[in-house]
Amino acid sequence: MRIPPRIATLGGIAALASTLLVGGVTATATAAPTAVGSICYSRLPVQAHDTLDLIDAGGPFPYPQDGGVFQNREGILPSQSTGYYHEYTVKTPGSSTRGARRIVTGNKTNEDYYTADHYASFSLVNYSC
């Protein structure tokens, strides 16, 4: 199994996993719980694998919006400063538009999230299963 270089640090993964536990210890009393699930890399659609390969290669990307800053307006992903998250299209076979599927990447701990429903929910990509 290929593990992208951006997630090669185990410490970053462990820190991220600990922040995503629902009902876990929070840093402050006002921290909002995250609504992020998990998905095994092997269970992603083949088009998501293609997108992750393009991200690792630095492009070229099929859509001009790919690589743009993801604002996290829905507030589902952990709160970060503007510019932390970037989004990429996951092609949807048979769709004449970009469709609803995306990979959203984070900079600091190099996490990857998959959404199949245009940001209504996210799953953290688990590369170890």
Protein backbone atom coordinates (compact mmCIF):
# COMPACT_ATOMS: atom_id res chain seq x y z
CA MET A 1 0.00 0.00 0.00
CA ARG A 2 1.27 3.46 -0.89
CA ILE A 3 1.47 5.95 1.94
CA PRO A 4 1.71 9.54 0.73
CA PRO A 5 4.79 11.36 2.04
CA ARG A 6 2.66 14.08 3.60
CA ILE A 7 1.38 11.66 6.26
CA ALA A 8 4.65 9.86 6.92
CA THR A 9 5.06 11.24 10.43
CA LEU A 10 3.36 8.98 12.94
CA GLY A 11 3.43 11.66 15.65
CA GLY A 12 1.29 13.96 13.53
CA ILE A 13 -1.20 11.19 12.90
CA ALA A 14 -1.44 10.30 16.58
CA ALA A 15 -1.99 13.94 17.51
CA LEU A 16 -4.66 14.34 14.87
CA ALA A 17 -6.42 11.13 15.87
CA SER A 18 -6.55 12.26 19.48
CA THR A 19 -8.22 15.54 18.48
CA LEU A 20 -10.86 13.76 16.42
CA LEU A 21 -12.20 11.52 19.15
CA VAL A 22 -15.80 12.46 19.84
CA GLY A 23 -16.37 12.68 23.57
CA GLY A 24 -12.63 12.82 24.22
CA VAL A 25 -10.83 15.38 26.32
CA THR A 26 -11.03 18.85 24.83
CA ALA A 27 -8.49 21.62 25.27
CA THR A 28 -11.07 24.17 26.38
CA ALA A 29 -14.62 24.11 27.60
CA THR A 30 -15.76 25.99 24.50
CA ALA A 31 -14.20 23.63 21.93
CA ALA A 32 -16.85 22.26 19.59
CA PRO A 33 -16.87 18.51 19.01
CA THR A 34 -15.89 17.46 15.52
CA ALA A 35 -18.22 15.46 13.30
CA VAL A 36 -15.55 13.67 11.32
CA GLY A 37 -15.62 9.97 10.61
CA SER A 38 -12.89 7.75 9.25
CA ILE A 39 -12.49 5.82 6.01
CA CYS A 40 -9.86 3.28 5.04
CA TYR A 41 -7.75 4.31 2.07
CA SER A 42 -8.64 0.97 0.45
CA ARG A 43 -12.37 1.80 0.65
CA LEU A 44 -12.09 5.12 -1.20
CA PRO A 45 -13.39 5.19 -4.77
CA VAL A 46 -10.66 4.72 -7.38
CA GLN A 47 -11.15 8.34 -8.47
CA ALA A 48 -10.15 9.50 -4.96
CA HIS A 49 -6.94 7.47 -5.28
CA ASP A 50 -6.32 9.28 -8.58
CA THR A 51 -6.86 12.65 -6.89
CA LEU A 52 -4.51 11.79 -4.01
CA ASP A 53 -1.87 10.71 -6.55
CA LEU A 54 -2.24 14.07 -8.34
CA ILE A 55 -1.91 15.92 -5.02
CA ASP A 56 1.29 13.99 -4.24
CA ALA A 57 2.64 14.82 -7.71
CA GLY A 58 1.70 18.49 -7.43
CA GLY A 59 -0.74 18.29 -10.37
CA PRO A 60 -1.71 18.99 -13.03
CA PHE A 61 -5.28 19.11 -11.80
CA PRO A 62 -8.36 18.74 -14.00
CA TYR A 63 -10.25 21.76 -12.63
CA PRO A 64 -9.01 25.33 -12.04
CA GLN A 65 -10.59 25.31 -8.54
CA ASP A 66 -8.41 22.38 -7.45
CA GLY A 67 -5.87 23.41 -4.84
CA GLY A 68 -7.96 26.38 -3.77
CA VAL A 69 -8.36 27.29 -0.13
CA PHE A 70 -11.19 25.47 1.62
CA GLN A 71 -12.87 27.84 4.07
CA ASN A 72 -14.49 25.22 6.37
CA ARG A 73 -17.63 27.38 6.53
CA GLU A 74 -19.63 24.36 7.66
CA GLY A 75 -17.40 24.11 10.74
CA ILE A 76 -17.22 20.33 10.53
CA LEU A 77 -13.45 20.02 10.24
CA PRO A 78 -11.27 21.05 13.20
CA SER A 79 -11.00 24.84 13.37
CA GLN A 80 -7.84 26.17 11.73
CA SER A 81 -6.62 29.47 10.33
CA THR A 82 -7.61 30.52 6.81
CA GLY A 83 -5.39 28.84 4.24
CA TYR A 84 -4.83 25.69 6.30
CA TYR A 85 -7.21 23.54 4.23
CA HIS A 86 -7.19 23.06 0.44
CA GLU A 87 -9.75 21.23 -1.68
CA TYR A 88 -9.47 19.00 -4.73
CA THR A 89 -12.13 17.49 -6.98
CA VAL A 90 -12.73 13.75 -7.00
CA LYS A 91 -14.20 13.04 -10.42
CA THR A 92 -17.65 11.48 -10.49
CA PRO A 93 -18.14 9.11 -13.44
CA GLY A 94 -21.01 10.19 -15.67
CA SER A 95 -21.27 13.66 -14.16
CA SER A 96 -21.13 16.67 -16.49
CA THR A 97 -20.07 18.88 -13.55
CA ARG A 98 -17.42 18.62 -10.84
CA GLY A 99 -19.89 16.61 -8.78
CA ALA A 100 -20.02 16.52 -4.98
CA ARG A 101 -16.92 14.50 -4.13
CA ARG A 102 -13.78 16.20 -2.79
CA ILE A 103 -10.52 15.59 -0.99
CA VAL A 104 -9.71 18.32 1.52
CA THR A 105 -6.13 18.42 2.78
CA GLY A 106 -4.70 20.07 5.87
CA ASN A 107 -1.23 21.61 6.01
CA LYS A 108 0.19 21.19 9.50
CA THR A 109 -0.37 17.50 10.21
CA ASN A 110 -0.89 16.70 6.53
CA GLU A 111 -4.28 15.08 6.98
CA ASP A 112 -6.61 14.15 4.12
CA TYR A 113 -10.40 14.21 4.36
CA TYR A 114 -12.90 12.74 1.90
CA THR A 115 -16.42 14.02 1.36
CA ALA A 116 -18.90 12.40 -1.00
CA ASP A 117 -21.71 14.85 -0.23
CA HIS A 118 -20.20 18.28 -0.90
CA TYR A 119 -19.08 19.08 2.66
CA ALA A 120 -22.12 17.78 4.55
CA SER A 121 -19.83 15.17 6.15
CA PHE A 122 -16.15 14.29 6.13
CA SER A 123 -14.10 11.16 6.71
CA LEU A 124 -10.45 11.27 7.68
CA VAL A 125 -8.51 8.99 5.33
CA ASN A 126 -6.83 6.20 7.29
CA TYR A 127 -3.82 4.94 5.35
CA SER A 128 -3.09 2.03 7.70
CA CYS A 129 -6.10 -0.13 6.83
